[in-house]
Amino acid sequence: MKNPPTFFDYEEIPDAPGWYSWDLKDESRFNGAVMGSLRVRQDGDRARLRMFPEVRHTNLQDMIHGAVTLSLIDIALFSGMHMLRESDAGMAVTLELSTQFIGGGKVDQPLDAVVEVLRETRRLIFLRGEVVQGENDEHLVAAFSGLVRKASAPKASQ
């Protein structure tokens, strides 16, 4: 098991081999209050963050709301940092996020954000990925790229 992240419950899910929980310890914050329970796993050189959409995540067209998809993508940048680089993503910040919506998300299927690291510097991580649904990721919902600034080291007391 990777180093546990500071701000997240990161526990192996017994009935889902390879999957781990990715839920904020403080459930009153956005991730838990809006997104519901999330799961993460590593797939080779990519990380996969999964949510389980509910009616509350839909728009008036009965598709997953774009804001929910964007939230999943943003969270996937951080879970990807942890899974692929073992970074404590809790205090990092999104500097840039570019998203192209391609298809409507379906509420009756898990929604996955699959992310890979393109480059890492001392302070930044460049990532890209896709939001997909279906057994073989055949339904493409969105494509994205993002830039995350790693958390600053704590300053020494003076």
N, C-alpha and C. Protein backbone atom coordinates (compact mmCIF):
# COMPACT_ATOMS: atom_id res chain seq x y z
N MET A 1 0.85 -1.19 0.00
CA MET A 1 0.00 0.00 0.00
C MET A 1 0.88 1.24 0.00
N LYS A 2 0.51 2.22 -0.80
CA LYS A 2 1.25 3.48 -0.85
C LYS A 2 1.12 4.20 0.49
N ASN A 3 1.98 5.20 0.67
CA ASN A 3 1.87 6.00 1.88
C ASN A 3 0.47 6.59 1.96
N PRO A 4 -0.16 6.52 3.12
CA PRO A 4 -1.52 7.07 3.21
C PRO A 4 -1.49 8.60 3.09
N PRO A 5 -2.40 9.16 2.29
CA PRO A 5 -2.45 10.62 2.19
C PRO A 5 -2.98 11.23 3.49
N THR A 6 -2.56 12.42 3.77
CA THR A 6 -2.88 13.07 5.03
C THR A 6 -4.36 13.38 5.20
N PHE A 7 -5.01 13.86 4.15
CA PHE A 7 -6.37 14.40 4.28
C PHE A 7 -7.47 13.45 3.82
N PHE A 8 -7.10 12.27 3.36
CA PHE A 8 -8.07 11.37 2.74
C PHE A 8 -8.12 10.03 3.46
N ASP A 9 -9.31 9.43 3.49
CA ASP A 9 -9.43 8.03 3.87
C ASP A 9 -9.02 7.23 2.65
N TYR A 10 -7.97 6.47 2.79
CA TYR A 10 -7.39 5.71 1.69
C TYR A 10 -7.24 4.28 2.16
N GLU A 11 -8.32 3.53 2.01
CA GLU A 11 -8.37 2.15 2.50
C GLU A 11 -8.66 1.22 1.35
N GLU A 12 -8.04 0.04 1.36
CA GLU A 12 -8.33 -0.96 0.34
C GLU A 12 -9.79 -1.39 0.47
N ILE A 13 -10.46 -1.55 -0.66
CA ILE A 13 -11.86 -1.96 -0.66
C ILE A 13 -11.90 -3.48 -0.81
N PRO A 14 -12.34 -4.18 0.23
CA PRO A 14 -12.22 -5.64 0.26
C PRO A 14 -12.89 -6.37 -0.90
N ASP A 15 -14.06 -5.91 -1.33
CA ASP A 15 -14.78 -6.62 -2.39
C ASP A 15 -14.45 -6.10 -3.80
N ALA A 16 -13.43 -5.24 -3.91
CA ALA A 16 -13.04 -4.68 -5.20
C ALA A 16 -11.51 -4.66 -5.28
N PRO A 17 -10.89 -5.78 -5.65
CA PRO A 17 -9.43 -5.87 -5.67
C PRO A 17 -8.78 -4.74 -6.49
N GLY A 18 -7.77 -4.12 -5.89
CA GLY A 18 -7.03 -3.05 -6.56
C GLY A 18 -7.59 -1.66 -6.33
N TRP A 19 -8.81 -1.57 -5.84
CA TRP A 19 -9.45 -0.27 -5.60
C TRP A 19 -9.25 0.16 -4.16
N TYR A 20 -9.10 1.49 -3.98
CA TYR A 20 -8.97 2.11 -2.66
C TYR A 20 -9.98 3.23 -2.54
N SER A 21 -10.42 3.48 -1.32
CA SER A 21 -11.30 4.63 -1.09
C SER A 21 -10.49 5.91 -1.31
N TRP A 22 -11.16 6.97 -1.73
CA TRP A 22 -10.53 8.28 -1.88
C TRP A 22 -11.54 9.32 -1.40
N ASP A 23 -11.76 9.34 -0.09
CA ASP A 23 -12.76 10.21 0.51
C ASP A 23 -12.10 11.12 1.52
N LEU A 24 -12.48 12.40 1.50
CA LEU A 24 -11.95 13.32 2.49
C LEU A 24 -12.32 12.85 3.88
N LYS A 25 -11.39 12.99 4.81
CA LYS A 25 -11.67 12.63 6.19
C LYS A 25 -12.76 13.54 6.76
N ASP A 26 -12.80 14.78 6.32
CA ASP A 26 -13.85 15.72 6.72
C ASP A 26 -14.96 15.64 5.67
N GLU A 27 -15.98 14.83 5.95
CA GLU A 27 -17.06 14.57 4.99
C GLU A 27 -17.95 15.77 4.74
N SER A 28 -17.83 16.83 5.56
CA SER A 28 -18.67 18.01 5.36
C SER A 28 -18.14 18.90 4.23
N ARG A 29 -16.94 18.64 3.76
CA ARG A 29 -16.36 19.45 2.67
C ARG A 29 -16.90 18.98 1.33
N PHE A 30 -16.58 19.71 0.28
CA PHE A 30 -17.17 19.53 -1.03
C PHE A 30 -17.15 18.09 -1.53
N ASN A 31 -16.00 17.44 -1.52
CA ASN A 31 -15.89 16.09 -2.09
C ASN A 31 -16.96 15.16 -1.53
N GLY A 32 -17.03 15.07 -0.22
CA GLY A 32 -17.97 14.15 0.41
C GLY A 32 -19.41 14.64 0.33
N ALA A 33 -19.62 15.92 0.55
CA ALA A 33 -20.97 16.47 0.58
C ALA A 33 -21.63 16.46 -0.80
N VAL A 34 -20.85 16.63 -1.86
CA VAL A 34 -21.42 16.73 -3.21
C VAL A 34 -21.16 15.50 -4.06
N MET A 35 -19.94 15.01 -4.05
CA MET A 35 -19.55 13.95 -4.98
C MET A 35 -19.92 12.55 -4.49
N GLY A 36 -20.01 12.35 -3.20
CA GLY A 36 -20.27 11.02 -2.67
C GLY A 36 -18.98 10.25 -2.54
N SER A 37 -19.09 8.96 -2.32
CA SER A 37 -17.92 8.10 -2.12
C SER A 37 -17.17 7.91 -3.44
N LEU A 38 -15.85 8.04 -3.38
CA LEU A 38 -14.99 7.90 -4.56
C LEU A 38 -14.03 6.74 -4.36
N ARG A 39 -13.60 6.15 -5.46
CA ARG A 39 -12.62 5.07 -5.44
C ARG A 39 -11.49 5.40 -6.40
N VAL A 40 -10.30 4.87 -6.11
CA VAL A 40 -9.15 5.11 -6.97
C VAL A 40 -8.34 3.82 -7.10
N ARG A 41 -7.70 3.67 -8.25
CA ARG A 41 -6.77 2.55 -8.44
C ARG A 41 -5.74 2.96 -9.48
N GLN A 42 -4.64 2.25 -9.48
CA GLN A 42 -3.61 2.48 -10.48
C GLN A 42 -3.77 1.44 -11.58
N ASP A 43 -3.76 1.91 -12.83
CA ASP A 43 -3.82 1.06 -14.02
C ASP A 43 -2.55 1.30 -14.82
N GLY A 44 -1.48 0.58 -14.49
CA GLY A 44 -0.21 0.79 -15.19
C GLY A 44 0.34 2.18 -14.90
N ASP A 45 0.52 2.98 -15.95
CA ASP A 45 1.05 4.33 -15.77
C ASP A 45 -0.06 5.38 -15.69
N ARG A 46 -1.27 4.93 -15.41
CA ARG A 46 -2.41 5.83 -15.25
C ARG A 46 -3.10 5.55 -13.93
N ALA A 47 -3.83 6.55 -13.45
CA ALA A 47 -4.66 6.38 -12.26
C ALA A 47 -6.11 6.59 -12.69
N ARG A 48 -7.01 5.86 -12.04
CA ARG A 48 -8.43 5.91 -12.37
C ARG A 48 -9.20 6.28 -11.11
N LEU A 49 -9.96 7.38 -11.19
CA LEU A 49 -10.83 7.81 -10.09
C LEU A 49 -12.27 7.54 -10.52
N ARG A 50 -13.02 6.86 -9.67
CA ARG A 50 -14.40 6.45 -10.01
C ARG A 50 -15.39 7.06 -9.04
N MET A 51 -16.47 7.56 -9.63
CA MET A 51 -17.62 7.99 -8.82
C MET A 51 -18.84 7.19 -9.27
N PHE A 52 -19.85 7.19 -8.43
CA PHE A 52 -21.08 6.48 -8.71
C PHE A 52 -22.21 7.51 -8.78
N PRO A 53 -22.53 7.98 -10.00
CA PRO A 53 -23.51 9.05 -10.15
C PRO A 53 -24.89 8.67 -9.60
N GLU A 54 -25.56 9.69 -9.10
CA GLU A 54 -26.93 9.57 -8.61
C GLU A 54 -27.76 10.65 -9.31
N VAL A 55 -29.06 10.59 -9.15
CA VAL A 55 -29.94 11.59 -9.77
C VAL A 55 -29.53 13.00 -9.36
N ARG A 56 -29.07 13.18 -8.14
CA ARG A 56 -28.66 14.52 -7.67
C ARG A 56 -27.48 15.07 -8.47
N HIS A 57 -26.78 14.24 -9.23
CA HIS A 57 -25.65 14.67 -10.04
C HIS A 57 -26.05 15.02 -11.48
N THR A 58 -27.34 14.99 -11.79
CA THR A 58 -27.78 15.20 -13.17
C THR A 58 -28.29 16.62 -13.42
N ASN A 59 -28.38 16.94 -14.71
CA ASN A 59 -28.98 18.20 -15.14
C ASN A 59 -30.41 17.93 -15.62
N LEU A 60 -31.05 18.92 -16.21
CA LEU A 60 -32.44 18.76 -16.65
C LEU A 60 -32.59 17.83 -17.85
N GLN A 61 -31.49 17.45 -18.48
CA GLN A 61 -31.51 16.50 -19.60
C GLN A 61 -31.24 15.07 -19.12
N ASP A 62 -31.19 14.86 -17.81
CA ASP A 62 -30.91 13.56 -17.20
C ASP A 62 -29.53 13.02 -17.56
N MET A 63 -28.59 13.94 -17.80
CA MET A 63 -27.19 13.58 -18.00
C MET A 63 -26.42 14.11 -16.79
N ILE A 64 -25.22 13.57 -16.58
CA ILE A 64 -24.41 14.07 -15.47
C ILE A 64 -24.07 15.54 -15.73
N HIS A 65 -24.32 16.36 -14.74
CA HIS A 65 -24.09 17.80 -14.85
C HIS A 65 -22.62 18.08 -15.14
N GLY A 66 -22.35 19.04 -16.00
CA GLY A 66 -20.97 19.40 -16.34
C GLY A 66 -20.14 19.79 -15.14
N ALA A 67 -20.76 20.43 -14.15
CA ALA A 67 -20.02 20.82 -12.95
C ALA A 67 -19.55 19.59 -12.17
N VAL A 68 -20.33 18.52 -12.19
CA VAL A 68 -19.94 17.28 -11.53
C VAL A 68 -18.75 16.67 -12.27
N THR A 69 -18.83 16.66 -13.60
CA THR A 69 -17.72 16.13 -14.40
C THR A 69 -16.45 16.93 -14.15
N LEU A 70 -16.55 18.26 -14.12
CA LEU A 70 -15.38 19.10 -13.84
C LEU A 70 -14.83 18.84 -12.44
N SER A 71 -15.70 18.63 -11.49
CA SER A 71 -15.25 18.33 -10.12
C SER A 71 -14.52 17.00 -10.07
N LEU A 72 -15.06 15.99 -10.76
CA LEU A 72 -14.39 14.70 -10.81
C LEU A 72 -13.00 14.84 -11.41
N ILE A 73 -12.89 15.61 -12.49
CA ILE A 73 -11.60 15.83 -13.14
C ILE A 73 -10.62 16.49 -12.17
N ASP A 74 -11.06 17.53 -11.51
CA ASP A 74 -10.18 18.24 -10.58
C ASP A 74 -9.69 17.32 -9.46
N ILE A 75 -10.59 16.53 -8.91
CA ILE A 75 -10.20 15.60 -7.85
C ILE A 75 -9.25 14.54 -8.40
N ALA A 76 -9.47 14.11 -9.66
CA ALA A 76 -8.61 13.10 -10.29
C ALA A 76 -7.17 13.59 -10.45
N LEU A 77 -6.97 14.90 -10.64
CA LEU A 77 -5.60 15.42 -10.73
C LEU A 77 -4.85 15.10 -9.44
N PHE A 78 -5.52 15.25 -8.31
CA PHE A 78 -4.89 15.05 -7.01
C PHE A 78 -4.76 13.57 -6.65
N SER A 79 -5.80 12.80 -6.93
CA SER A 79 -5.67 11.36 -6.66
C SER A 79 -4.62 10.75 -7.59
N GLY A 80 -4.53 11.26 -8.81
CA GLY A 80 -3.48 10.80 -9.74
C GLY A 80 -2.09 11.13 -9.24
N MET A 81 -1.92 12.34 -8.69
CA MET A 81 -0.63 12.72 -8.10
C MET A 81 -0.23 11.72 -7.03
N HIS A 82 -1.20 11.36 -6.20
CA HIS A 82 -0.89 10.43 -5.12
C HIS A 82 -0.57 9.04 -5.65
N MET A 83 -1.40 8.53 -6.52
CA MET A 83 -1.22 7.16 -7.01
C MET A 83 0.04 7.01 -7.86
N LEU A 84 0.33 8.00 -8.68
CA LEU A 84 1.43 7.87 -9.64
C LEU A 84 2.75 8.45 -9.15
N ARG A 85 2.70 9.38 -8.21
CA ARG A 85 3.92 10.02 -7.73
C ARG A 85 4.06 9.99 -6.22
N GLU A 86 3.11 9.40 -5.52
CA GLU A 86 3.08 9.32 -4.07
C GLU A 86 3.23 10.69 -3.41
N SER A 87 2.65 11.70 -4.03
CA SER A 87 2.63 13.05 -3.47
C SER A 87 1.44 13.18 -2.53
N ASP A 88 1.61 13.92 -1.45
CA ASP A 88 0.48 14.25 -0.59
C ASP A 88 -0.26 15.39 -1.26
N ALA A 89 -1.36 15.08 -1.89
CA ALA A 89 -2.06 16.03 -2.75
C ALA A 89 -2.93 17.01 -1.98
N GLY A 90 -3.12 16.83 -0.69
CA GLY A 90 -4.07 17.62 0.06
C GLY A 90 -3.89 19.12 0.00
N MET A 91 -2.67 19.59 0.02
CA MET A 91 -2.43 21.04 0.05
C MET A 91 -1.91 21.58 -1.29
N ALA A 92 -1.91 20.77 -2.32
CA ALA A 92 -1.55 21.24 -3.66
C ALA A 92 -2.72 22.05 -4.22
N VAL A 93 -2.47 22.80 -5.30
CA VAL A 93 -3.54 23.61 -5.90
C VAL A 93 -3.54 23.46 -7.42
N THR A 94 -4.74 23.50 -7.98
CA THR A 94 -4.89 23.48 -9.43
C THR A 94 -4.56 24.87 -9.96
N LEU A 95 -3.62 24.94 -10.90
CA LEU A 95 -3.28 26.21 -11.53
C LEU A 95 -4.03 26.39 -12.85
N GLU A 96 -4.25 25.28 -13.54
CA GLU A 96 -4.91 25.35 -14.84
C GLU A 96 -5.64 24.05 -15.09
N LEU A 97 -6.83 24.16 -15.69
CA LEU A 97 -7.60 22.98 -16.07
C LEU A 97 -8.32 23.30 -17.37
N SER A 98 -8.03 22.52 -18.40
CA SER A 98 -8.68 22.68 -19.69
C SER A 98 -9.49 21.42 -19.97
N THR A 99 -10.76 21.60 -20.32
CA THR A 99 -11.65 20.46 -20.52
C THR A 99 -12.43 20.60 -21.81
N GLN A 100 -12.55 19.50 -22.52
CA GLN A 100 -13.39 19.45 -23.71
C GLN A 100 -14.47 18.42 -23.43
N PHE A 101 -15.74 18.87 -23.41
CA PHE A 101 -16.87 17.96 -23.23
C PHE A 101 -17.16 17.31 -24.57
N ILE A 102 -17.29 15.99 -24.56
CA ILE A 102 -17.43 15.24 -25.81
C ILE A 102 -18.78 14.51 -25.88
N GLY A 103 -19.25 13.98 -24.77
CA GLY A 103 -20.52 13.27 -24.73
C GLY A 103 -21.15 13.42 -23.37
N GLY A 104 -22.45 13.19 -23.28
CA GLY A 104 -23.15 13.30 -22.01
C GLY A 104 -22.89 12.10 -21.13
N GLY A 105 -22.65 12.34 -19.85
CA GLY A 105 -22.46 11.25 -18.90
C GLY A 105 -23.79 10.63 -18.51
N LYS A 106 -23.80 9.32 -18.37
CA LYS A 106 -25.01 8.57 -18.03
C LYS A 106 -25.06 8.30 -16.53
N VAL A 107 -26.22 8.51 -15.94
CA VAL A 107 -26.34 8.39 -14.50
C VAL A 107 -26.36 6.94 -14.02
N ASP A 108 -26.63 5.99 -14.90
CA ASP A 108 -26.77 4.60 -14.48
C ASP A 108 -25.47 3.79 -14.57
N GLN A 109 -24.33 4.47 -14.79
CA GLN A 109 -23.04 3.79 -14.89
C GLN A 109 -22.00 4.54 -14.09
N PRO A 110 -20.99 3.84 -13.54
CA PRO A 110 -19.89 4.56 -12.89
C PRO A 110 -19.23 5.52 -13.89
N LEU A 111 -18.73 6.62 -13.37
CA LEU A 111 -18.05 7.63 -14.17
C LEU A 111 -16.59 7.66 -13.72
N ASP A 112 -15.66 7.41 -14.66
CA ASP A 112 -14.24 7.32 -14.35
C ASP A 112 -13.46 8.45 -14.99
N ALA A 113 -12.55 9.04 -14.23
CA ALA A 113 -11.56 9.97 -14.77
C ALA A 113 -10.23 9.21 -14.76
N VAL A 114 -9.66 9.02 -15.95
CA VAL A 114 -8.41 8.29 -16.10
C VAL A 114 -7.33 9.32 -16.41
N VAL A 115 -6.29 9.37 -15.59
CA VAL A 115 -5.30 10.45 -15.67
C VAL A 115 -3.88 9.89 -15.74
N GLU A 116 -3.02 10.60 -16.45
CA GLU A 116 -1.60 10.25 -16.51
C GLU A 116 -0.77 11.50 -16.30
N VAL A 117 0.43 11.29 -15.77
CA VAL A 117 1.38 12.39 -15.56
C VAL A 117 2.21 12.54 -16.83
N LEU A 118 2.23 13.75 -17.37
CA LEU A 118 3.05 14.04 -18.54
C LEU A 118 4.46 14.45 -18.17
N ARG A 119 4.56 15.27 -17.13
CA ARG A 119 5.87 15.77 -16.69
C ARG A 119 5.74 16.26 -15.26
N GLU A 120 6.83 16.13 -14.54
CA GLU A 120 6.89 16.62 -13.17
C GLU A 120 8.17 17.41 -12.99
N THR A 121 8.02 18.59 -12.39
CA THR A 121 9.19 19.39 -12.03
C THR A 121 9.22 19.48 -10.50
N ARG A 122 10.10 20.26 -9.99
CA ARG A 122 10.22 20.39 -8.54
C ARG A 122 8.93 20.93 -7.92
N ARG A 123 8.23 21.83 -8.62
CA ARG A 123 7.05 22.49 -8.05
C ARG A 123 5.73 22.17 -8.77
N LEU A 124 5.82 21.61 -10.00
CA LEU A 124 4.63 21.45 -10.82
C LEU A 124 4.46 20.01 -11.32
N ILE A 125 3.20 19.64 -11.58
CA ILE A 125 2.89 18.38 -12.22
C ILE A 125 1.91 18.66 -13.37
N PHE A 126 2.26 18.22 -14.56
CA PHE A 126 1.44 18.36 -15.75
C PHE A 126 0.74 17.02 -15.98
N LEU A 127 -0.59 17.06 -16.11
CA LEU A 127 -1.38 15.83 -16.25
C LEU A 127 -2.36 15.96 -17.41
N ARG A 128 -2.84 14.81 -17.90
CA ARG A 128 -3.92 14.82 -18.89
C ARG A 128 -4.73 13.53 -18.72
N GLY A 129 -5.92 13.54 -19.31
CA GLY A 129 -6.73 12.34 -19.18
C GLY A 129 -8.05 12.44 -19.89
N GLU A 130 -8.90 11.45 -19.59
CA GLU A 130 -10.23 11.36 -20.18
C GLU A 130 -11.22 10.94 -19.10
N VAL A 131 -12.46 11.36 -19.29
CA VAL A 131 -13.56 10.89 -18.46
C VAL A 131 -14.35 9.92 -19.32
N VAL A 132 -14.54 8.70 -18.80
CA VAL A 132 -15.11 7.62 -19.59
C VAL A 132 -16.15 6.84 -18.80
N GLN A 133 -16.96 6.10 -19.54
CA GLN A 133 -17.91 5.16 -18.96
C GLN A 133 -17.93 3.90 -19.81
N GLY A 134 -18.40 2.82 -19.22
CA GLY A 134 -18.54 1.57 -19.94
C GLY A 134 -17.48 0.56 -19.55
N GLU A 135 -17.78 -0.70 -19.79
CA GLU A 135 -16.86 -1.80 -19.45
C GLU A 135 -15.46 -1.61 -20.01
N ASN A 136 -15.38 -1.12 -21.24
CA ASN A 136 -14.08 -0.93 -21.92
C ASN A 136 -13.81 0.54 -22.22
N ASP A 137 -14.37 1.42 -21.40
CA ASP A 137 -14.19 2.87 -21.59
C ASP A 137 -14.69 3.34 -22.95
N GLU A 138 -15.71 2.66 -23.50
CA GLU A 138 -16.15 2.98 -24.85
C GLU A 138 -16.94 4.28 -24.96
N HIS A 139 -17.48 4.79 -23.85
CA HIS A 139 -18.23 6.04 -23.91
C HIS A 139 -17.35 7.17 -23.38
N LEU A 140 -16.93 8.05 -24.27
CA LEU A 140 -16.06 9.17 -23.91
C LEU A 140 -16.91 10.39 -23.56
N VAL A 141 -16.74 10.87 -22.33
CA VAL A 141 -17.51 12.01 -21.83
C VAL A 141 -16.73 13.30 -21.98
N ALA A 142 -15.42 13.27 -21.69
CA ALA A 142 -14.61 14.50 -21.74
C ALA A 142 -13.13 14.13 -21.86
N ALA A 143 -12.37 15.10 -22.35
CA ALA A 143 -10.90 15.02 -22.34
C ALA A 143 -10.41 16.24 -21.57
N PHE A 144 -9.25 16.11 -20.92
CA PHE A 144 -8.77 17.22 -20.11
C PHE A 144 -7.26 17.24 -19.99
N SER A 145 -6.74 18.40 -19.62
CA SER A 145 -5.34 18.53 -19.21
C SER A 145 -5.32 19.50 -18.04
N GLY A 146 -4.35 19.31 -17.16
CA GLY A 146 -4.28 20.15 -15.99
C GLY A 146 -2.86 20.37 -15.52
N LEU A 147 -2.69 21.43 -14.78
CA LEU A 147 -1.40 21.81 -14.19
C LEU A 147 -1.63 22.03 -12.70
N VAL A 148 -0.87 21.30 -11.88
CA VAL A 148 -1.02 21.39 -10.42
C VAL A 148 0.30 21.84 -9.82
N ARG A 149 0.20 22.80 -8.89
CA ARG A 149 1.37 23.22 -8.12
C ARG A 149 1.40 22.40 -6.85
N LYS A 150 2.52 21.75 -6.60
CA LYS A 150 2.67 20.93 -5.41
C LYS A 150 2.60 21.80 -4.15
N ALA A 151 2.27 21.16 -3.06
CA ALA A 151 2.21 21.86 -1.79
C ALA A 151 3.58 22.38 -1.40
N SER A 152 3.60 23.55 -0.82
CA SER A 152 4.84 24.12 -0.32
C SER A 152 5.26 23.40 0.95
N ALA A 153 6.54 23.31 1.15
CA ALA A 153 7.06 22.73 2.40
C ALA A 153 6.72 23.67 3.54
N PRO A 154 6.39 23.13 4.72
CA PRO A 154 6.10 23.99 5.87
C PRO A 154 7.30 24.88 6.19
N LYS A 155 7.02 26.14 6.53
CA LYS A 155 8.09 27.07 6.87
C LYS A 155 8.57 26.82 8.30
N ALA A 156 9.85 26.91 8.48
CA ALA A 156 10.44 26.71 9.81
C ALA A 156 10.05 27.86 10.72
N SER A 157 9.84 27.56 12.00
CA SER A 157 9.50 28.59 12.99
C SER A 157 10.70 29.48 13.20
N GLN A 158 10.42 30.76 13.42
CA GLN A 158 11.52 31.70 13.62
C GLN A 158 11.63 32.09 15.06
